Amino acid sequence: MSDGENGPEIDPHAQPSGTGCVECDATGGWWFHLRRCAACGHIGCCDSSPGQHATHHARDAGHPILTSFEPGEDWFFDDRDGTVSHGPVLAGPRHHPADQGTPGPTDRVPQDWQRRLH
């Protein structure tokens, strides 16, 4: 998965669905790190987060390529075989706002958040 090899799993023009995990925001949950669907821009929480929404989306929607939505990270992950590689530049923003807490959102993170990670 490198530049020029974009299949239907990657749409460089898909806009991110927001600045936080769609499902956590809808339910009042929180996340550790955020991941972005390379096919449709869905933002979900990572597998260390309580909800693990990014991987659920990847499998339920048949969108196997995820990328980080964290500042300073630009890797792509293929959920089918676990490979990590580089990919094309996606439509911005490329990460959540730099002032957004990690974990986040800050006002919903429980005091014992570290014990709740997977």
PDB file of N, CA and C in Angstrom:
ATOM      1  N   MET A   1       0.865  -1.170   0.000  1.00  0.00           N
ATOM      2  CA  MET A   1       0.000   0.000   0.000  1.00  0.00           C
ATOM      3  C   MET A   1       0.907   1.227   0.000  1.00  0.00           C
ATOM      4  N   SER A   2       1.160   1.767  -1.126  1.00  0.00           N
ATOM      5  CA  SER A   2       1.980   2.965  -1.215  1.00  0.00           C
ATOM      6  C   SER A   2       1.338   3.930  -2.193  1.00  0.00           C
ATOM      7  N   ASP A   3       1.892   5.103  -2.290  1.00  0.00           N
ATOM      8  CA  ASP A   3       1.340   6.090  -3.205  1.00  0.00           C
ATOM      9  C   ASP A   3       1.206   5.493  -4.596  1.00  0.00           C
ATOM     10  N   GLY A   4       0.084   5.717  -5.250  1.00  0.00           N
ATOM     11  CA  GLY A   4      -0.146   5.202  -6.575  1.00  0.00           C
ATOM     12  C   GLY A   4      -0.821   3.846  -6.596  1.00  0.00           C
ATOM     13  N   GLU A   5      -0.949   3.204  -5.460  1.00  0.00           N
ATOM     14  CA  GLU A   5      -1.571   1.886  -5.388  1.00  0.00           C
ATOM     15  C   GLU A   5      -2.926   1.957  -4.691  1.00  0.00           C
ATOM     16  N   ASN A   6      -3.600   3.063  -4.786  1.00  0.00           N
ATOM     17  CA  ASN A   6      -4.877   3.230  -4.103  1.00  0.00           C
ATOM     18  C   ASN A   6      -5.930   2.355  -4.755  1.00  0.00           C
ATOM     19  N   GLY A   7      -6.497   1.478  -3.976  1.00  0.00           N
ATOM     20  CA  GLY A   7      -7.613   0.685  -4.456  1.00  0.00           C
ATOM     21  C   GLY A   7      -8.885   1.273  -3.894  1.00  0.00           C
ATOM     22  N   PRO A   8      -9.974   0.510  -3.941  1.00  0.00           N
ATOM     23  CA  PRO A   8     -11.230   1.006  -3.385  1.00  0.00           C
ATOM     24  C   PRO A   8     -11.182   1.174  -1.861  1.00  0.00           C
ATOM     25  N   GLU A   9     -10.117   0.658  -1.232  1.00  0.00           N
ATOM     26  CA  GLU A   9      -9.993   0.783   0.218  1.00  0.00           C
ATOM     27  C   GLU A   9      -9.556   2.174   0.667  1.00  0.00           C
ATOM     28  N   ILE A  10      -9.057   2.970  -0.272  1.00  0.00           N
ATOM     29  CA  ILE A  10      -8.536   4.296   0.089  1.00  0.00           C
ATOM     30  C   ILE A  10      -9.144   5.342  -0.843  1.00  0.00           C
ATOM     31  N   ASP A  11      -9.779   6.340  -0.246  1.00  0.00           N
ATOM     32  CA  ASP A  11     -10.285   7.483  -1.004  1.00  0.00           C
ATOM     33  C   ASP A  11      -9.602   8.724  -0.453  1.00  0.00           C
ATOM     34  N   PRO A  12      -8.574   9.220  -1.138  1.00  0.00           N
ATOM     35  CA  PRO A  12      -7.835  10.381  -0.639  1.00  0.00           C
ATOM     36  C   PRO A  12      -8.686  11.636  -0.477  1.00  0.00           C
ATOM     37  N   HIS A  13      -9.883  11.660  -1.083  1.00  0.00           N
ATOM     38  CA  HIS A  13     -10.738  12.839  -1.031  1.00  0.00           C
ATOM     39  C   HIS A  13     -11.775  12.785   0.090  1.00  0.00           C
ATOM     40  N   ALA A  14     -11.927  11.631   0.738  1.00  0.00           N
ATOM     41  CA  ALA A  14     -12.920  11.495   1.824  1.00  0.00           C
ATOM     42  C   ALA A  14     -12.532  12.371   3.007  1.00  0.00           C
ATOM     43  N   GLN A  15     -13.458  13.187   3.446  1.00  0.00           N
ATOM     44  CA  GLN A  15     -13.227  14.089   4.578  1.00  0.00           C
ATOM     45  C   GLN A  15     -13.394  13.337   5.904  1.00  0.00           C
ATOM     46  N   PRO A  16     -12.631  13.685   6.928  1.00  0.00           N
ATOM     47  CA  PRO A  16     -12.830  13.084   8.246  1.00  0.00           C
ATOM     48  C   PRO A  16     -14.242  13.381   8.750  1.00  0.00           C
ATOM     49  N   SER A  17     -14.814  12.434   9.470  1.00  0.00           N
ATOM     50  CA  SER A  17     -16.190  12.588   9.961  1.00  0.00           C
ATOM     51  C   SER A  17     -16.304  13.558  11.123  1.00  0.00           C
ATOM     52  N   GLY A  18     -15.210  14.007  11.667  1.00  0.00           N
ATOM     53  CA  GLY A  18     -15.211  14.955  12.785  1.00  0.00           C
ATOM     54  C   GLY A  18     -13.853  14.980  13.440  1.00  0.00           C
ATOM     55  N   THR A  19     -13.807  15.448  14.676  1.00  0.00           N
ATOM     56  CA  THR A  19     -12.535  15.533  15.389  1.00  0.00           C
ATOM     57  C   THR A  19     -12.398  14.476  16.478  1.00  0.00           C
ATOM     58  N   GLY A  20     -13.457  13.693  16.685  1.00  0.00           N
ATOM     59  CA  GLY A  20     -13.423  12.644  17.694  1.00  0.00           C
ATOM     60  C   GLY A  20     -14.147  11.402  17.214  1.00  0.00           C
ATOM     61  N   CYS A  21     -14.111  10.364  18.016  1.00  0.00           N
ATOM     62  CA  CYS A  21     -14.775   9.109  17.681  1.00  0.00           C
ATOM     63  C   CYS A  21     -16.278   9.346  17.552  1.00  0.00           C
ATOM     64  N   VAL A  22     -16.819   8.986  16.407  1.00  0.00           N
ATOM     65  CA  VAL A  22     -18.240   9.200  16.128  1.00  0.00           C
ATOM     66  C   VAL A  22     -19.116   8.524  17.184  1.00  0.00           C
ATOM     67  N   GLU A  23     -18.843   7.252  17.454  1.00  0.00           N
ATOM     68  CA  GLU A  23     -19.671   6.489  18.388  1.00  0.00           C
ATOM     69  C   GLU A  23     -19.493   6.958  19.826  1.00  0.00           C
ATOM     70  N   CYS A  24     -18.271   7.239  20.244  1.00  0.00           N
ATOM     71  CA  CYS A  24     -18.046   7.731  21.614  1.00  0.00           C
ATOM     72  C   CYS A  24     -18.724   9.079  21.819  1.00  0.00           C
ATOM     73  N   ASP A  25     -18.643   9.950  20.822  1.00  0.00           N
ATOM     74  CA  ASP A  25     -19.307  11.246  20.941  1.00  0.00           C
ATOM     75  C   ASP A  25     -20.822  11.076  21.050  1.00  0.00           C
ATOM     76  N   ALA A  26     -21.371  10.109  20.339  1.00  0.00           N
ATOM     77  CA  ALA A  26     -22.822   9.892  20.367  1.00  0.00           C
ATOM     78  C   ALA A  26     -23.304   9.315  21.698  1.00  0.00           C
ATOM     79  N   THR A  27     -22.422   8.600  22.394  1.00  0.00           N
ATOM     80  CA  THR A  27     -22.835   7.921  23.623  1.00  0.00           C
ATOM     81  C   THR A  27     -22.230   8.517  24.891  1.00  0.00           C
ATOM     82  N   GLY A  28     -21.424   9.555  24.752  1.00  0.00           N
ATOM     83  CA  GLY A  28     -20.779  10.155  25.920  1.00  0.00           C
ATOM     84  C   GLY A  28     -19.548   9.407  26.374  1.00  0.00           C
ATOM     85  N   GLY A  29     -18.991   8.579  25.496  1.00  0.00           N
ATOM     86  CA  GLY A  29     -17.798   7.810  25.827  1.00  0.00           C
ATOM     87  C   GLY A  29     -16.522   8.617  25.654  1.00  0.00           C
ATOM     88  N   TRP A  30     -15.396   7.923  25.798  1.00  0.00           N
ATOM     89  CA  TRP A  30     -14.080   8.560  25.672  1.00  0.00           C
ATOM     90  C   TRP A  30     -13.149   7.594  24.926  1.00  0.00           C
ATOM     91  N   TRP A  31     -12.022   8.120  24.477  1.00  0.00           N
ATOM     92  CA  TRP A  31     -11.072   7.321  23.710  1.00  0.00           C
ATOM     93  C   TRP A  31      -9.653   7.586  24.153  1.00  0.00           C
ATOM     94  N   PHE A  32      -8.785   6.638  23.802  1.00  0.00           N
ATOM     95  CA  PHE A  32      -7.357   6.789  24.049  1.00  0.00           C
ATOM     96  C   PHE A  32      -6.701   7.450  22.831  1.00  0.00           C
ATOM     97  N   HIS A  33      -6.738   6.799  21.689  1.00  0.00           N
ATOM     98  CA  HIS A  33      -6.229   7.365  20.437  1.00  0.00           C
ATOM     99  C   HIS A  33      -7.296   7.217  19.355  1.00  0.00           C
ATOM    100  N   LEU A  34      -7.146   8.006  18.298  1.00  0.00           N
ATOM    101  CA  LEU A  34      -8.137   8.004  17.223  1.00  0.00           C
ATOM    102  C   LEU A  34      -7.554   7.424  15.940  1.00  0.00           C
ATOM    103  N   ARG A  35      -8.430   6.748  15.202  1.00  0.00           N
ATOM    104  CA  ARG A  35      -8.086   6.175  13.904  1.00  0.00           C
ATOM    105  C   ARG A  35      -9.086   6.661  12.865  1.00  0.00           C
ATOM    106  N   ARG A  36      -8.629   6.726  11.634  1.00  0.00           N
ATOM    107  CA  ARG A  36      -9.454   7.226  10.528  1.00  0.00           C
ATOM    108  C   ARG A  36      -9.591   6.142   9.464  1.00  0.00           C
ATOM    109  N   CYS A  37     -10.788   5.944   8.982  1.00  0.00           N
ATOM    110  CA  CYS A  37     -11.031   5.017   7.889  1.00  0.00           C
ATOM    111  C   CYS A  37     -10.517   5.662   6.605  1.00  0.00           C
ATOM    112  N   ALA A  38      -9.642   4.956   5.907  1.00  0.00           N
ATOM    113  CA  ALA A  38      -9.070   5.504   4.679  1.00  0.00           C
ATOM    114  C   ALA A  38     -10.061   5.492   3.522  1.00  0.00           C
ATOM    115  N   ALA A  39     -11.145   4.729   3.651  1.00  0.00           N
ATOM    116  CA  ALA A  39     -12.136   4.659   2.570  1.00  0.00           C
ATOM    117  C   ALA A  39     -13.182   5.759   2.665  1.00  0.00           C
ATOM    118  N   CYS A  40     -13.667   6.038   3.891  1.00  0.00           N
ATOM    119  CA  CYS A  40     -14.793   6.976   4.008  1.00  0.00           C
ATOM    120  C   CYS A  40     -14.565   8.125   4.988  1.00  0.00           C
ATOM    121  N   GLY A  41     -13.459   8.111   5.739  1.00  0.00           N
ATOM    122  CA  GLY A  41     -13.163   9.200   6.663  1.00  0.00           C
ATOM    123  C   GLY A  41     -13.747   9.028   8.053  1.00  0.00           C
ATOM    124  N   HIS A  42     -14.434   7.921   8.322  1.00  0.00           N
ATOM    125  CA  HIS A  42     -15.007   7.681   9.657  1.00  0.00           C
ATOM    126  C   HIS A  42     -13.905   7.740  10.708  1.00  0.00           C
ATOM    127  N   ILE A  43     -14.132   8.522  11.761  1.00  0.00           N
ATOM    128  CA  ILE A  43     -13.188   8.595  12.871  1.00  0.00           C
ATOM    129  C   ILE A  43     -13.714   7.713  13.990  1.00  0.00           C
ATOM    130  N   GLY A  44     -12.876   6.795  14.427  1.00  0.00           N
ATOM    131  CA  GLY A  44     -13.217   5.889  15.515  1.00  0.00           C
ATOM    132  C   GLY A  44     -12.061   5.783  16.480  1.00  0.00           C
ATOM    133  N   CYS A  45     -12.329   5.183  17.630  1.00  0.00           N
ATOM    134  CA  CYS A  45     -11.289   5.036  18.647  1.00  0.00           C
ATOM    135  C   CYS A  45     -10.480   3.760  18.425  1.00  0.00           C
ATOM    136  N   CYS A  46      -9.250   3.764  18.909  1.00  0.00           N
ATOM    137  CA  CYS A  46      -8.311   2.662  18.705  1.00  0.00           C
ATOM    138  C   CYS A  46      -8.686   1.426  19.525  1.00  0.00           C
ATOM    139  N   ASP A  47      -7.983   0.344  19.280  1.00  0.00           N
ATOM    140  CA  ASP A  47      -8.263  -0.908  19.974  1.00  0.00           C
ATOM    141  C   ASP A  47      -7.872  -0.897  21.445  1.00  0.00           C
ATOM    142  N   SER A  48      -7.082   0.064  21.884  1.00  0.00           N
ATOM    143  CA  SER A  48      -6.793   0.200  23.315  1.00  0.00           C
ATOM    144  C   SER A  48      -7.922   0.913  24.045  1.00  0.00           C
ATOM    145  N   SER A  49      -8.760   1.619  23.308  1.00  0.00           N
ATOM    146  CA  SER A  49      -9.892   2.354  23.878  1.00  0.00           C
ATOM    147  C   SER A  49     -10.999   1.384  24.280  1.00  0.00           C
ATOM    148  N   PRO A  50     -11.835   1.769  25.245  1.00  0.00           N
ATOM    149  CA  PRO A  50     -12.927   0.881  25.658  1.00  0.00           C
ATOM    150  C   PRO A  50     -13.848   0.453  24.520  1.00  0.00           C
ATOM    151  N   GLY A  51     -14.176   1.351  23.589  1.00  0.00           N
ATOM    152  CA  GLY A  51     -15.143   1.034  22.544  1.00  0.00           C
ATOM    153  C   GLY A  51     -14.581   0.322  21.326  1.00  0.00           C
ATOM    154  N   GLN A  52     -13.307   0.505  21.031  1.00  0.00           N
ATOM    155  CA  GLN A  52     -12.654  -0.104  19.866  1.00  0.00           C
ATOM    156  C   GLN A  52     -13.467   0.114  18.583  1.00  0.00           C
ATOM    157  N   HIS A  53     -13.985   1.321  18.423  1.00  0.00           N
ATOM    158  CA  HIS A  53     -14.915   1.603  17.334  1.00  0.00           C
ATOM    159  C   HIS A  53     -14.285   1.635  15.943  1.00  0.00           C
ATOM    160  N   ALA A  54     -13.011   1.990  15.819  1.00  0.00           N
ATOM    161  CA  ALA A  54     -12.395   2.038  14.487  1.00  0.00           C
ATOM    162  C   ALA A  54     -12.354   0.655  13.848  1.00  0.00           C
ATOM    163  N   THR A  55     -11.924  -0.331  14.604  1.00  0.00           N
ATOM    164  CA  THR A  55     -11.859  -1.692  14.066  1.00  0.00           C
ATOM    165  C   THR A  55     -13.256  -2.239  13.803  1.00  0.00           C
ATOM    166  N   HIS A  56     -14.206  -1.948  14.679  1.00  0.00           N
ATOM    167  CA  HIS A  56     -15.592  -2.380  14.436  1.00  0.00           C
ATOM    168  C   HIS A  56     -16.088  -1.794  13.118  1.00  0.00           C
ATOM    169  N   HIS A  57     -15.818  -0.512  12.889  1.00  0.00           N
ATOM    170  CA  HIS A  57     -16.235   0.112  11.628  1.00  0.00           C
ATOM    171  C   HIS A  57     -15.553  -0.568  10.444  1.00  0.00           C
ATOM    172  N   ALA A  58     -14.254  -0.783  10.542  1.00  0.00           N
ATOM    173  CA  ALA A  58     -13.512  -1.398   9.439  1.00  0.00           C
ATOM    174  C   ALA A  58     -14.126  -2.733   9.040  1.00  0.00           C
ATOM    175  N   ARG A  59     -14.459  -3.526  10.015  1.00  0.00           N
ATOM    176  CA  ARG A  59     -14.997  -4.868   9.732  1.00  0.00           C
ATOM    177  C   ARG A  59     -16.461  -4.820   9.314  1.00  0.00           C
ATOM    178  N   ASP A  60     -17.256  -4.010   9.987  1.00  0.00           N
ATOM    179  CA  ASP A  60     -18.688  -3.934   9.651  1.00  0.00           C
ATOM    180  C   ASP A  60     -18.924  -3.305   8.277  1.00  0.00           C
ATOM    181  N   ALA A  61     -18.137  -2.283   7.941  1.00  0.00           N
ATOM    182  CA  ALA A  61     -18.320  -1.567   6.676  1.00  0.00           C
ATOM    183  C   ALA A  61     -17.516  -2.185   5.527  1.00  0.00           C
ATOM    184  N   GLY A  62     -16.615  -3.109   5.851  1.00  0.00           N
ATOM    185  CA  GLY A  62     -15.757  -3.667   4.810  1.00  0.00           C
ATOM    186  C   GLY A  62     -14.725  -2.675   4.321  1.00  0.00           C
ATOM    187  N   HIS A  63     -14.274  -1.810   5.220  1.00  0.00           N
ATOM    188  CA  HIS A  63     -13.254  -0.800   4.922  1.00  0.00           C
ATOM    189  C   HIS A  63     -12.004  -1.159   5.726  1.00  0.00           C
ATOM    190  N   PRO A  64     -11.127  -2.010   5.216  1.00  0.00           N
ATOM    191  CA  PRO A  64     -10.048  -2.576   6.019  1.00  0.00           C
ATOM    192  C   PRO A  64      -8.843  -1.689   6.301  1.00  0.00           C
ATOM    193  N   ILE A  65      -8.720  -0.560   5.633  1.00  0.00           N
ATOM    194  CA  ILE A  65      -7.530   0.271   5.811  1.00  0.00           C
ATOM    195  C   ILE A  65      -7.826   1.421   6.775  1.00  0.00           C
ATOM    196  N   LEU A  66      -7.054   1.462   7.847  1.00  0.00           N
ATOM    197  CA  LEU A  66      -7.162   2.521   8.856  1.00  0.00           C
ATOM    198  C   LEU A  66      -5.858   3.291   8.885  1.00  0.00           C
ATOM    199  N   THR A  67      -5.955   4.535   9.280  1.00  0.00           N
ATOM    200  CA  THR A  67      -4.756   5.344   9.472  1.00  0.00           C
ATOM    201  C   THR A  67      -4.894   6.094  10.787  1.00  0.00           C
ATOM    202  N   SER A  68      -3.786   6.549  11.290  1.00  0.00           N
ATOM    203  CA  SER A  68      -3.817   7.296  12.543  1.00  0.00           C
ATOM    204  C   SER A  68      -4.483   8.650  12.333  1.00  0.00           C
ATOM    205  N   PHE A  69      -5.183   9.124  13.342  1.00  0.00           N
ATOM    206  CA  PHE A  69      -5.737  10.478  13.337  1.00  0.00           C
ATOM    207  C   PHE A  69      -5.113  11.253  14.500  1.00  0.00           C
ATOM    208  N   GLU A  70      -3.847  10.918  14.781  1.00  0.00           N
ATOM    209  CA  GLU A  70      -3.075  11.548  15.844  1.00  0.00           C
ATOM    210  C   GLU A  70      -2.016  12.455  15.233  1.00  0.00           C
ATOM    211  N   PRO A  71      -1.739  13.603  15.865  1.00  0.00           N
ATOM    212  CA  PRO A  71      -0.692  14.496  15.356  1.00  0.00           C
ATOM    213  C   PRO A  71       0.658  13.778  15.263  1.00  0.00           C
ATOM    214  N   GLY A  72       1.360  13.998  14.158  1.00  0.00           N
ATOM    215  CA  GLY A  72       2.696  13.446  13.978  1.00  0.00           C
ATOM    216  C   GLY A  72       2.750  11.995  13.519  1.00  0.00           C
ATOM    217  N   GLU A  73       1.607  11.361  13.277  1.00  0.00           N
ATOM    218  CA  GLU A  73       1.588   9.970  12.825  1.00  0.00           C
ATOM    219  C   GLU A  73       0.994   9.902  11.426  1.00  0.00           C
ATOM    220  N   ASP A  74       1.629   9.128  10.547  1.00  0.00           N
ATOM    221  CA  ASP A  74       1.129   9.046   9.174  1.00  0.00           C
ATOM    222  C   ASP A  74       1.106   7.619   8.635  1.00  0.00           C
ATOM    223  N   TRP A  75       1.050   6.636   9.488  1.00  0.00           N
ATOM    224  CA  TRP A  75       1.019   5.241   9.063  1.00  0.00           C
ATOM    225  C   TRP A  75      -0.388   4.789   8.671  1.00  0.00           C
ATOM    226  N   PHE A  76      -0.443   3.736   7.874  1.00  0.00           N
ATOM    227  CA  PHE A  76      -1.686   3.080   7.467  1.00  0.00           C
ATOM    228  C   PHE A  76      -1.623   1.639   7.962  1.00  0.00           C
ATOM    229  N   PHE A  77      -2.758   1.102   8.394  1.00  0.00           N
ATOM    230  CA  PHE A  77      -2.849  -0.260   8.921  1.00  0.00           C
ATOM    231  C   PHE A  77      -3.891  -1.032   8.121  1.00  0.00           C
ATOM    232  N   ASP A  78      -3.522  -2.230   7.684  1.00  0.00           N
ATOM    233  CA  ASP A  78      -4.451  -3.089   6.945  1.00  0.00           C
ATOM    234  C   ASP A  78      -5.001  -4.128   7.922  1.00  0.00           C
ATOM    235  N   ASP A  79      -6.277  -4.018   8.254  1.00  0.00           N
ATOM    236  CA  ASP A  79      -6.902  -4.910   9.235  1.00  0.00           C
ATOM    237  C   ASP A  79      -6.990  -6.351   8.737  1.00  0.00           C
ATOM    238  N   ARG A  80      -6.847  -6.578   7.454  1.00  0.00           N
ATOM    239  CA  ARG A  80      -6.929  -7.941   6.916  1.00  0.00           C
ATOM    240  C   ARG A  80      -5.716  -8.777   7.293  1.00  0.00           C
ATOM    241  N   ASP A  81      -4.540  -8.155   7.249  1.00  0.00           N
ATOM    242  CA  ASP A  81      -3.327  -8.946   7.503  1.00  0.00           C
ATOM    243  C   ASP A  81      -2.388  -8.323   8.536  1.00  0.00           C
ATOM    244  N   GLY A  82      -2.760  -7.184   9.094  1.00  0.00           N
ATOM    245  CA  GLY A  82      -1.965  -6.565  10.149  1.00  0.00           C
ATOM    246  C   GLY A  82      -0.746  -5.804   9.679  1.00  0.00           C
ATOM    247  N   THR A  83      -0.623  -5.571   8.378  1.00  0.00           N
ATOM    248  CA  THR A  83       0.547  -4.845   7.902  1.00  0.00           C
ATOM    249  C   THR A  83       0.395  -3.347   8.139  1.00  0.00           C
ATOM    250  N   VAL A  84       1.521  -2.723   8.371  1.00  0.00           N
ATOM    251  CA  VAL A  84       1.601  -1.276   8.549  1.00  0.00           C
ATOM    252  C   VAL A  84       2.487  -0.749   7.422  1.00  0.00           C
ATOM    253  N   SER A  85       2.024   0.299   6.763  1.00  0.00           N
ATOM    254  CA  SER A  85       2.787   0.853   5.660  1.00  0.00           C
ATOM    255  C   SER A  85       2.451   2.323   5.473  1.00  0.00           C
ATOM    256  N   HIS A  86       2.941   2.872   4.384  1.00  0.00           N
ATOM    257  CA  HIS A  86       2.649   4.261   4.030  1.00  0.00           C
ATOM    258  C   HIS A  86       1.533   4.282   3.002  1.00  0.00           C
ATOM    259  N   GLY A  87       0.872   5.411   2.890  1.00  0.00           N
ATOM    260  CA  GLY A  87      -0.206   5.564   1.926  1.00  0.00           C
ATOM    261  C   GLY A  87      -0.232   6.979   1.400  1.00  0.00           C
ATOM    262  N   PRO A  88      -1.256   7.293   0.650  1.00  0.00           N
ATOM    263  CA  PRO A  88      -1.352   8.631   0.054  1.00  0.00           C
ATOM    264  C   PRO A  88      -1.720   9.690   1.094  1.00  0.00           C
ATOM    265  N   VAL A  89      -1.515  10.922   0.735  1.00  0.00           N
ATOM    266  CA  VAL A  89      -1.955  12.032   1.573  1.00  0.00           C
ATOM    267  C   VAL A  89      -3.475  12.099   1.469  1.00  0.00           C
ATOM    268  N   LEU A  90      -4.134  12.112   2.614  1.00  0.00           N
ATOM    269  CA  LEU A  90      -5.593  12.163   2.658  1.00  0.00           C
ATOM    270  C   LEU A  90      -6.074  13.599   2.836  1.00  0.00           C
ATOM    271  N   ALA A  91      -7.325  13.837   2.502  1.00  0.00           N
ATOM    272  CA  ALA A  91      -7.928  15.155   2.687  1.00  0.00           C
ATOM    273  C   ALA A  91      -7.801  15.576   4.144  1.00  0.00           C
ATOM    274  N   GLY A  92      -7.560  16.836   4.363  1.00  0.00           N
ATOM    275  CA  GLY A  92      -7.386  17.359   5.711  1.00  0.00           C
ATOM    276  C   GLY A  92      -8.690  17.555   6.442  1.00  0.00           C
ATOM    277  N   PRO A  93      -8.589  17.695   7.740  1.00  0.00           N
ATOM    278  CA  PRO A  93      -7.348  17.648   8.500  1.00  0.00           C
ATOM    279  C   PRO A  93      -6.829  16.222   8.637  1.00  0.00           C
ATOM    280  N   ARG A  94      -5.525  16.098   8.818  1.00  0.00           N
ATOM    281  CA  ARG A  94      -4.861  14.796   8.917  1.00  0.00           C
ATOM    282  C   ARG A  94      -4.867  14.243  10.330  1.00  0.00           C
ATOM    283  N   HIS A  95      -5.241  15.086  11.311  1.00  0.00           N
ATOM    284  CA  HIS A  95      -5.263  14.641  12.706  1.00  0.00           C
ATOM    285  C   HIS A  95      -6.250  15.499  13.483  1.00  0.00           C
ATOM    286  N   HIS A  96      -6.566  15.034  14.692  1.00  0.00           N
ATOM    287  CA  HIS A  96      -7.460  15.822  15.543  1.00  0.00           C
ATOM    288  C   HIS A  96      -6.760  17.111  15.951  1.00  0.00           C
ATOM    289  N   PRO A  97      -7.512  18.099  16.435  1.00  0.00           N
ATOM    290  CA  PRO A  97      -6.876  19.361  16.841  1.00  0.00           C
ATOM    291  C   PRO A  97      -5.775  19.115  17.871  1.00  0.00           C
ATOM    292  N   ALA A  98      -4.670  19.805  17.715  1.00  0.00           N
ATOM    293  CA  ALA A  98      -3.517  19.609  18.592  1.00  0.00           C
ATOM    294  C   ALA A  98      -3.845  19.885  20.054  1.00  0.00           C
ATOM    295  N   ASP A  99      -4.818  20.754  20.312  1.00  0.00           N
ATOM    296  CA  ASP A  99      -5.157  21.074  21.700  1.00  0.00           C
ATOM    297  C   ASP A  99      -6.212  20.122  22.285  1.00  0.00           C
ATOM    298  N   GLN A 100      -6.639  19.140  21.517  1.00  0.00           N
ATOM    299  CA  GLN A 100      -7.603  18.151  22.007  1.00  0.00           C
ATOM    300  C   GLN A 100      -6.843  17.125  22.850  1.00  0.00           C
ATOM    301  N   GLY A 101      -7.288  16.888  24.039  1.00  0.00           N
ATOM    302  CA  GLY A 101      -6.585  15.999  24.957  1.00  0.00           C
ATOM    303  C   GLY A 101      -6.479  14.563  24.472  1.00  0.00           C
ATOM    304  N   THR A 102      -5.436  13.895  24.943  1.00  0.00           N
ATOM    305  CA  THR A 102      -5.237  12.467  24.721  1.00  0.00           C
ATOM    306  C   THR A 102      -4.908  11.848  26.063  1.00  0.00           C
ATOM    307  N   PRO A 103      -5.758  10.986  26.596  1.00  0.00           N
ATOM    308  CA  PRO A 103      -7.028  10.575  26.012  1.00  0.00           C
ATOM    309  C   PRO A 103      -8.030  11.721  26.015  1.00  0.00           C
ATOM    310  N   GLY A 104      -9.135  11.493  25.355  1.00  0.00           N
ATOM    311  CA  GLY A 104     -10.108  12.569  25.237  1.00  0.00           C
ATOM    312  C   GLY A 104     -11.524  12.062  25.043  1.00  0.00           C
ATOM    313  N   PRO A 105     -12.448  12.948  24.973  1.00  0.00           N
ATOM    314  CA  PRO A 105     -12.277  14.355  25.329  1.00  0.00           C
ATOM    315  C   PRO A 105     -12.054  14.498  26.834  1.00  0.00           C
ATOM    316  N   THR A 106     -11.256  15.446  27.185  1.00  0.00           N
ATOM    317  CA  THR A 106     -10.759  15.612  28.549  1.00  0.00           C
ATOM    318  C   THR A 106     -11.865  15.575  29.595  1.00  0.00           C
ATOM    319  N   ASP A 107     -13.007  16.173  29.322  1.00  0.00           N
ATOM    320  CA  ASP A 107     -14.079  16.235  30.322  1.00  0.00           C
ATOM    321  C   ASP A 107     -14.817  14.913  30.512  1.00  0.00           C
ATOM    322  N   ARG A 108     -14.548  13.918  29.648  1.00  0.00           N
ATOM    323  CA  ARG A 108     -15.234  12.626  29.778  1.00  0.00           C
ATOM    324  C   ARG A 108     -14.301  11.484  30.187  1.00  0.00           C
ATOM    325  N   VAL A 109     -13.028  11.757  30.324  1.00  0.00           N
ATOM    326  CA  VAL A 109     -12.066  10.714  30.667  1.00  0.00           C
ATOM    327  C   VAL A 109     -12.131  10.438  32.164  1.00  0.00           C
ATOM    328  N   PRO A 110     -12.394   9.167  32.560  1.00  0.00           N
ATOM    329  CA  PRO A 110     -12.462   8.849  33.990  1.00  0.00           C
ATOM    330  C   PRO A 110     -11.085   8.906  34.640  1.00  0.00           C
ATOM    331  N   GLN A 111     -11.059   9.127  35.927  1.00  0.00           N
ATOM    332  CA  GLN A 111      -9.784   9.233  36.641  1.00  0.00           C
ATOM    333  C   GLN A 111      -8.966   7.949  36.532  1.00  0.00           C
ATOM    334  N   ASP A 112      -9.628   6.822  36.474  1.00  0.00           N
ATOM    335  CA  ASP A 112      -8.918   5.544  36.392  1.00  0.00           C
ATOM    336  C   ASP A 112      -8.802   5.047  34.944  1.00  0.00           C
ATOM    337  N   TRP A 113      -8.671   5.947  33.987  1.00  0.00           N
ATOM    338  CA  TRP A 113      -8.685   5.615  32.579  1.00  0.00           C
ATOM    339  C   TRP A 113      -7.635   4.567  32.201  1.00  0.00           C
ATOM    340  N   GLN A 114      -6.465   4.622  32.817  1.00  0.00           N
ATOM    341  CA  GLN A 114      -5.397   3.676  32.464  1.00  0.00           C
ATOM    342  C   GLN A 114      -5.791   2.241  32.766  1.00  0.00           C
ATOM    343  N   ARG A 115      -6.574   2.042  33.802  1.00  0.00           N
ATOM    344  CA  ARG A 115      -7.034   0.685  34.161  1.00  0.00           C
ATOM    345  C   ARG A 115      -8.108   0.181  33.194  1.00  0.00           C
ATOM    346  N   ARG A 116      -8.719   1.066  32.439  1.00  0.00           N
ATOM    347  CA  ARG A 116      -9.806   0.704  31.532  1.00  0.00           C
ATOM    348  C   ARG A 116      -9.358   0.432  30.097  1.00  0.00           C
ATOM    349  N   LEU A 117      -8.069   0.590  29.833  1.00  0.00           N
ATOM    350  CA  LEU A 117      -7.558   0.354  28.485  1.00  0.00           C
ATOM    351  C   LEU A 117      -7.500  -1.148  28.203  1.00  0.00           C
ATOM    352  N   HIS A 118      -7.595  -1.469  26.936  1.00  0.00           N
ATOM    353  CA  HIS A 118      -7.485  -2.875  26.504  1.00  0.00           C
ATOM    354  C   HIS A 118      -6.045  -3.179  26.181  1.00  0.00           C
TER     355      HIS A 118
END
